[in-house]
Protein backbone atom coordinates (compact mmCIF):
# COMPACT_ATOMS: atom_id res chain seq x y z
CA MET A 1 0.00 0.00 0.00
CA ARG A 2 0.96 3.65 -0.42
CA ILE A 3 1.01 5.19 3.05
CA ALA A 4 1.79 8.73 4.16
CA VAL A 5 2.66 9.44 7.79
CA VAL A 6 2.21 13.05 8.87
CA GLY A 7 4.41 13.35 11.93
CA ALA A 8 7.44 11.08 12.27
CA GLY A 9 7.64 11.21 16.07
CA GLY A 10 7.23 8.31 18.45
CA VAL A 11 3.83 7.13 17.20
CA GLY A 12 4.15 7.92 13.50
CA GLY A 13 7.79 6.91 13.34
CA TYR A 14 7.17 3.51 14.90
CA PHE A 15 4.08 2.43 12.98
CA GLY A 16 5.34 3.91 9.71
CA ALA A 17 8.66 2.09 10.06
CA ARG A 18 6.87 -1.22 10.69
CA LEU A 19 4.81 -0.76 7.52
CA ALA A 20 7.86 0.28 5.50
CA ALA A 21 9.89 -2.71 6.69
CA ALA A 22 7.15 -4.99 5.39
CA GLY A 23 7.48 -3.54 1.91
CA HIS A 24 4.79 -0.89 1.83
CA GLU A 25 5.52 2.46 0.19
CA VAL A 26 5.73 4.78 3.20
CA THR A 27 6.52 8.49 3.10
CA PHE A 28 7.01 10.50 6.30
CA VAL A 29 6.42 14.20 6.76
CA ALA A 30 8.89 15.56 9.32
CA ARG A 31 10.44 18.87 10.23
CA GLY A 32 13.35 20.55 11.97
CA ARG A 33 16.36 18.60 13.22
CA HIS A 34 14.42 15.33 13.01
CA LEU A 35 13.87 15.91 9.27
CA GLU A 36 17.53 16.77 8.71
CA ALA A 37 18.72 13.68 10.57
CA ILE A 38 16.40 11.36 8.64
CA ARG A 39 17.55 12.87 5.37
CA GLU A 40 21.17 12.25 6.36
CA ARG A 41 20.97 8.82 7.96
CA GLY A 42 17.43 7.50 7.60
CA LEU A 43 15.01 6.83 10.44
CA LEU A 44 16.08 4.34 13.11
CA VAL A 45 13.49 2.77 15.40
CA ARG A 46 14.85 1.00 18.47
CA SER A 47 12.38 -1.54 19.81
CA PRO A 48 12.37 -4.61 22.09
CA LEU A 49 10.55 -6.28 19.19
CA GLY A 50 13.47 -5.65 16.84
CA ASP A 51 15.13 -2.52 15.49
CA LEU A 52 13.97 -1.01 12.19
CA LYS A 53 15.73 1.27 9.71
CA VAL A 54 13.92 3.37 7.11
CA PRO A 55 15.96 4.90 4.25
CA ALA A 56 16.65 8.62 3.97
CA THR A 57 14.59 8.83 0.78
CA SER A 58 11.36 8.16 2.69
CA VAL A 59 10.93 11.66 4.16
CA VAL A 60 9.62 15.01 2.87
CA ALA A 61 9.39 18.41 4.52
CA SER A 62 5.76 19.26 3.75
CA ILE A 63 2.38 17.71 3.05
CA ALA A 64 2.38 19.41 -0.35
CA GLU A 65 5.27 17.14 -1.41
CA LEU A 66 3.31 13.92 -0.81
CA GLU A 67 2.38 11.66 -3.69
CA PRO A 68 -1.16 10.20 -3.82
CA ALA A 69 -1.65 7.73 -0.95
CA ASP A 70 -4.10 4.99 -0.03
CA VAL A 71 -3.90 5.81 3.68
CA VAL A 72 -2.67 8.88 5.53
CA LEU A 73 -1.78 8.42 9.21
CA VAL A 74 -1.92 11.65 11.22
CA ALA A 75 0.39 11.59 14.25
CA VAL A 76 1.08 15.23 15.10
CA LYS A 77 0.35 17.06 18.34
CA LEU A 78 -3.31 18.01 18.67
CA TRP A 79 -2.71 21.75 18.32
CA ASP A 80 -1.39 21.14 14.78
CA THR A 81 -4.52 19.29 13.63
CA GLU A 82 -6.32 22.25 12.04
CA ASP A 83 -3.29 23.27 10.00
CA VAL A 84 -2.57 19.67 8.91
CA ALA A 85 -6.21 19.11 7.92
CA ALA A 86 -6.23 22.24 5.76
CA GLN A 87 -3.05 21.13 3.98
CA LEU A 88 -4.35 17.59 3.48
CA ALA A 89 -7.35 18.99 1.60
CA ASP A 90 -5.05 19.58 -1.39
CA VAL A 91 -3.59 16.04 -1.49
CA VAL A 92 -6.45 13.76 -0.38
CA ASP A 93 -8.35 12.33 -3.35
CA ASP A 94 -11.33 9.98 -3.67
CA GLY A 95 -9.16 6.95 -2.99
CA THR A 96 -7.46 8.27 0.16
CA ARG A 97 -8.49 7.46 3.71
CA VAL A 98 -7.17 9.49 6.66
CA ILE A 99 -6.70 7.93 10.11
CA SER A 100 -5.72 10.07 13.06
CA LEU A 101 -3.75 8.23 15.75
CA GLN A 102 -3.84 11.30 17.98
CA ASN A 103 -5.35 11.55 21.42
CA GLY A 104 -8.63 13.29 22.13
CA VAL A 105 -12.20 13.06 20.87
CA ARG A 106 -12.41 16.21 18.72
CA LYS A 107 -9.62 15.39 16.26
CA ASP A 108 -11.83 13.80 13.57
CA ALA A 109 -14.35 16.64 13.69
CA VAL A 110 -11.45 18.97 12.86
CA LEU A 111 -10.37 16.74 9.97
CA ARG A 112 -13.93 16.58 8.60
CA ARG A 113 -14.08 20.38 8.44
CA HIS A 114 -11.52 20.22 5.64
CA LEU A 115 -11.88 16.72 4.17
CA PRO A 116 -14.77 14.66 2.76
CA THR A 117 -16.61 12.86 5.57
CA GLN A 118 -16.08 9.43 4.01
CA ALA A 119 -12.34 10.04 3.81
CA VAL A 120 -11.97 10.23 7.61
CA TRP A 121 -11.81 6.98 9.56
CA GLY A 122 -11.57 6.82 13.33
CA GLY A 123 -8.44 5.46 14.94
CA VAL A 124 -6.56 5.02 18.21
CA CYS A 125 -3.20 3.55 19.09
CA TYR A 126 -1.66 2.06 22.21
CA ILE A 127 2.09 2.49 22.44
CA SER A 128 4.86 4.22 24.38
CA ALA A 129 7.37 5.64 21.92
CA VAL A 130 9.34 8.88 21.79
CA ILE A 131 11.98 10.64 19.72
CA GLU A 132 15.17 9.66 21.54
CA GLU A 133 17.27 12.01 19.43
CA PRO A 134 16.88 13.46 15.94
CA GLY A 135 16.48 10.57 13.50
CA VAL A 136 15.94 7.98 16.27
CA VAL A 137 12.64 6.76 17.74
CA SER A 138 12.61 4.64 20.89
CA HIS A 139 9.80 2.12 21.48
CA ARG A 140 9.40 1.55 25.22
CA GLY A 141 7.92 -1.80 26.16
CA VAL A 142 6.29 -4.27 23.81
CA MET A 143 2.78 -2.84 23.59
CA GLN A 144 2.00 -1.59 20.07
CA LYS A 145 -1.56 -1.71 18.78
CA VAL A 146 -3.77 0.16 16.33
CA VAL A 147 -7.58 0.06 16.30
CA PHE A 148 -9.42 1.80 13.46
CA GLY A 149 -12.59 1.74 11.42
CA PRO A 150 -14.95 3.75 9.19
CA TYR A 151 -17.59 5.69 11.09
CA ASP A 152 -20.43 4.69 8.78
CA GLY A 153 -19.63 0.98 8.52
CA ALA A 154 -18.91 1.32 4.79
CA ASP A 155 -15.52 0.87 3.12
CA THR A 156 -15.20 -2.61 4.62
CA PRO A 157 -13.01 -4.07 1.82
CA ARG A 158 -10.71 -1.03 1.86
CA ALA A 159 -10.49 -1.16 5.65
CA GLY A 160 -9.71 -4.87 5.44
CA ASP A 161 -6.81 -4.11 3.11
CA PHE A 162 -5.23 -1.75 5.63
CA LEU A 163 -5.85 -4.24 8.44
CA ASP A 164 -4.00 -6.88 6.43
CA ALA A 165 -1.17 -4.42 5.81
CA CYS A 166 -0.80 -3.76 9.53
CA VAL A 167 -0.97 -7.40 10.62
CA SER A 168 1.49 -8.52 7.94
CA SER A 169 3.85 -5.79 9.17
CA GLY A 170 3.90 -7.17 12.70
CA ILE A 171 1.52 -4.55 14.10
CA GLU A 172 -1.22 -5.73 16.44
CA ALA A 173 -4.30 -4.30 14.74
CA GLU A 174 -8.05 -4.47 15.00
CA LEU A 175 -10.90 -3.26 12.79
CA SER A 176 -13.73 -1.87 14.95
CA SER A 177 -17.40 -1.58 14.05
CA ASP A 178 -17.88 1.03 16.82
CA ILE A 179 -14.75 3.13 16.56
CA GLU A 180 -16.31 6.17 18.28
CA ARG A 181 -16.80 4.14 21.47
CA VAL A 182 -13.21 2.85 21.27
CA ILE A 183 -11.89 6.41 20.91
CA TRP A 184 -13.90 7.53 23.93
CA GLU A 185 -12.79 4.56 26.01
CA LYS A 186 -9.16 5.49 25.47
CA PHE A 187 -10.02 9.14 26.09
CA VAL A 188 -11.57 8.39 29.49
CA PHE A 189 -8.44 6.62 30.68
CA LEU A 190 -6.06 9.14 29.13
CA VAL A 191 -7.87 12.10 30.67
CA GLY A 192 -7.64 10.46 34.09
CA LEU A 193 -3.99 9.52 33.77
CA SER A 194 -2.85 12.83 32.29
CA ALA A 195 -4.91 15.03 34.60
CA THR A 196 -3.79 13.42 37.85
CA THR A 197 -0.14 12.66 37.09
CA THR A 198 0.37 16.18 35.71
CA ALA A 199 -1.49 18.07 38.43
CA VAL A 200 0.10 16.04 41.26
CA ARG A 201 3.50 15.75 39.50
CA GLN A 202 3.71 12.06 40.40
CA PRO A 203 3.40 8.69 38.60
CA ILE A 204 0.31 6.50 38.74
CA GLY A 205 1.62 4.46 41.70
CA VAL A 206 1.45 7.51 43.96
CA ILE A 207 -1.93 8.58 42.58
CA ARG A 208 -3.69 5.26 43.11
CA SER A 209 -2.18 4.71 46.58
CA ASP A 210 -3.31 7.98 48.09
CA VAL A 211 -6.99 7.99 49.06
CA HIS A 212 -7.59 11.59 47.98
CA CYS A 213 -5.73 11.31 44.67
CA ARG A 214 -7.44 8.00 43.92
CA GLU A 215 -10.83 9.65 44.39
CA LEU A 216 -9.72 12.49 42.11
CA LEU A 217 -8.67 9.99 39.43
CA ARG A 218 -12.02 8.21 39.58
CA ASP A 219 -14.01 11.47 39.52
CA VAL A 220 -12.09 12.86 36.53
CA MET A 221 -12.80 9.68 34.55
CA THR A 222 -16.43 9.53 35.72
CA GLU A 223 -17.04 13.04 34.39
CA ALA A 224 -15.58 12.03 31.02
CA VAL A 225 -17.87 8.98 30.91
CA GLN A 226 -20.91 11.11 31.74
CA VAL A 227 -20.04 13.59 28.97
CA GLY A 228 -19.49 10.80 26.45
CA ARG A 229 -22.82 9.16 27.30
CA ALA A 230 -24.58 12.52 26.99
CA ALA A 231 -23.01 12.85 23.53
CA GLY A 232 -24.59 9.54 22.53
CA VAL A 233 -21.54 7.30 22.85
CA SER A 234 -22.29 3.74 24.04
CA LEU A 235 -20.07 3.84 27.12
CA ASP A 236 -20.81 1.54 30.03
CA PRO A 237 -21.91 3.75 32.98
CA ARG A 238 -19.48 1.80 35.19
CA PHE A 239 -16.56 2.26 32.82
CA ALA A 240 -14.67 4.65 35.11
CA ASP A 241 -14.60 2.00 37.85
CA GLU A 242 -13.30 -0.54 35.34
CA ARG A 243 -10.52 1.83 34.29
CA LEU A 244 -9.68 2.54 37.93
CA ALA A 245 -9.19 -1.20 38.46
CA PHE A 246 -7.03 -1.24 35.31
CA CYS A 247 -4.88 1.54 36.79
CA ASP A 248 -4.10 -0.81 39.69
CA THR A 249 -2.41 -3.18 37.21
CA LEU A 250 -0.09 -0.57 35.69
CA PRO A 251 3.60 -0.22 36.59
CA ALA A 252 3.86 2.11 39.58
CA ALA A 253 6.34 4.35 37.75
CA MET A 254 4.07 4.89 34.73
CA THR A 255 3.19 8.49 34.00
CA SER A 256 1.66 10.41 31.09
CA SER A 257 3.05 12.26 28.10
CA MET A 258 1.43 15.45 29.42
CA HIS A 259 3.28 15.03 32.74
CA ASN A 260 6.51 14.57 30.77
CA ASP A 261 5.74 17.68 28.72
CA LEU A 262 5.14 19.67 31.89
CA THR A 263 8.44 18.64 33.50
CA GLN A 264 10.30 19.46 30.27
CA GLY A 265 8.64 22.86 29.94
CA ASN A 266 6.83 21.92 26.73
CA ARG A 267 3.39 22.91 25.51
CA LEU A 268 0.53 20.80 26.92
CA GLU A 269 -2.39 19.08 25.18
CA LEU A 270 -4.56 20.24 28.09
CA PRO A 271 -7.33 21.89 25.97
CA TRP A 272 -7.92 18.59 24.16
CA LEU A 273 -8.00 16.43 27.31
CA SER A 274 -9.51 17.80 30.54
CA GLY A 275 -10.27 20.98 28.59
CA SER A 276 -12.36 18.97 26.14
CA VAL A 277 -14.32 17.34 28.96
CA VAL A 278 -15.13 20.81 30.32
CA THR A 279 -16.06 22.28 26.93
CA LEU A 280 -18.22 19.36 25.83
CA GLY A 281 -19.78 19.14 29.29
CA ARG A 282 -20.79 22.78 29.10
CA GLU A 283 -22.34 22.22 25.65
CA LEU A 284 -24.25 19.16 26.86
CA GLY A 285 -25.28 20.45 30.28
CA ILE A 286 -23.03 18.05 32.24
CA ALA A 287 -21.19 19.37 35.31
CA THR A 288 -17.41 18.70 35.21
CA PRO A 289 -15.98 20.38 38.35
CA ARG A 290 -13.00 18.03 38.74
CA ASN A 291 -11.81 18.49 35.16
CA GLN A 292 -12.46 22.23 35.44
CA THR A 293 -10.15 22.37 38.45
CA ILE A 294 -7.45 20.44 36.58
CA ALA A 295 -7.77 22.78 33.59
CA ASP A 296 -7.53 25.83 35.88
CA LEU A 297 -4.51 24.51 37.81
CA LEU A 298 -2.55 23.70 34.67
CA ALA A 299 -3.61 26.72 32.58
CA PRO A 300 -0.38 28.69 33.28
CA TYR A 301 1.64 25.81 31.78
CA GLU A 302 -0.50 25.28 28.67
CA LEU A 303 1.94 27.02 26.31
CA GLY A 304 5.05 25.79 28.10
CA ARG A 305 6.92 26.72 31.26
CA PRO A 306 5.67 30.15 32.38
CA ASP A 307 8.03 33.07 32.87
CA PRO A 308 7.97 33.96 36.60
CA GLU A 309 9.14 37.50 35.75
CA ARG A 310 6.30 38.15 33.30
């Protein structure tokens, strides 16, 4: 298959490299020092499942340079979604399907503002991978899974082709008939993990062991479930309790990418996580006081480490 990967970071770099190693025609869109390093030496993915090397010729600097593709994987930070969607409008044709592997529940609505509705499939991924240094992606652990699917249940043969491409590339993959629910299920957990680990500045082991923080974690996820159900998503009303039990099985040192971004002074995806729960809750008439507090506490860090002299 012809596959374009917009964003060659941890997520896009890993899954794109797997597909390329299996013989698919993969082109990455990258920028900055990462782009320069890939052009010089290719893209190296270090993984417990086996290292991968993608040639230097597989990368371009802009979406406008992409050739026609069967599938476009979007793996940029959420604040870049609007700009990426607008650029994709010029390169997506009738045969292209776009799958966002980003976090959040508003990403596909943004894509559909610029692209034909049928071109946008839902998608989520489960992986821990980061840019270790320019040109090098590090896969942490062995978990690596993609779940995707058309929203309208159509495109089944085309979706089956991409599923086959993923599985034959060594990617654990699943085609879902209710991809909106799957996206929300990940969102509920991610909102809880990111909100608590970032606000408390501690990993999940500390959060779940402290009675007050544990209650905060459950409440943050419960609000997300209530908002999703109000939006018409088929979430189990007890799903927050199930995710809380799941948190008890995680490594104690596990944290969130938003917590990592905070400690490194980077921009946060806060508006698309707890911020989304608050915004959607307000639209749907659902109270979200816990997520509102998280959004308020972290607001000074949203654009990166604040200047104390400002």
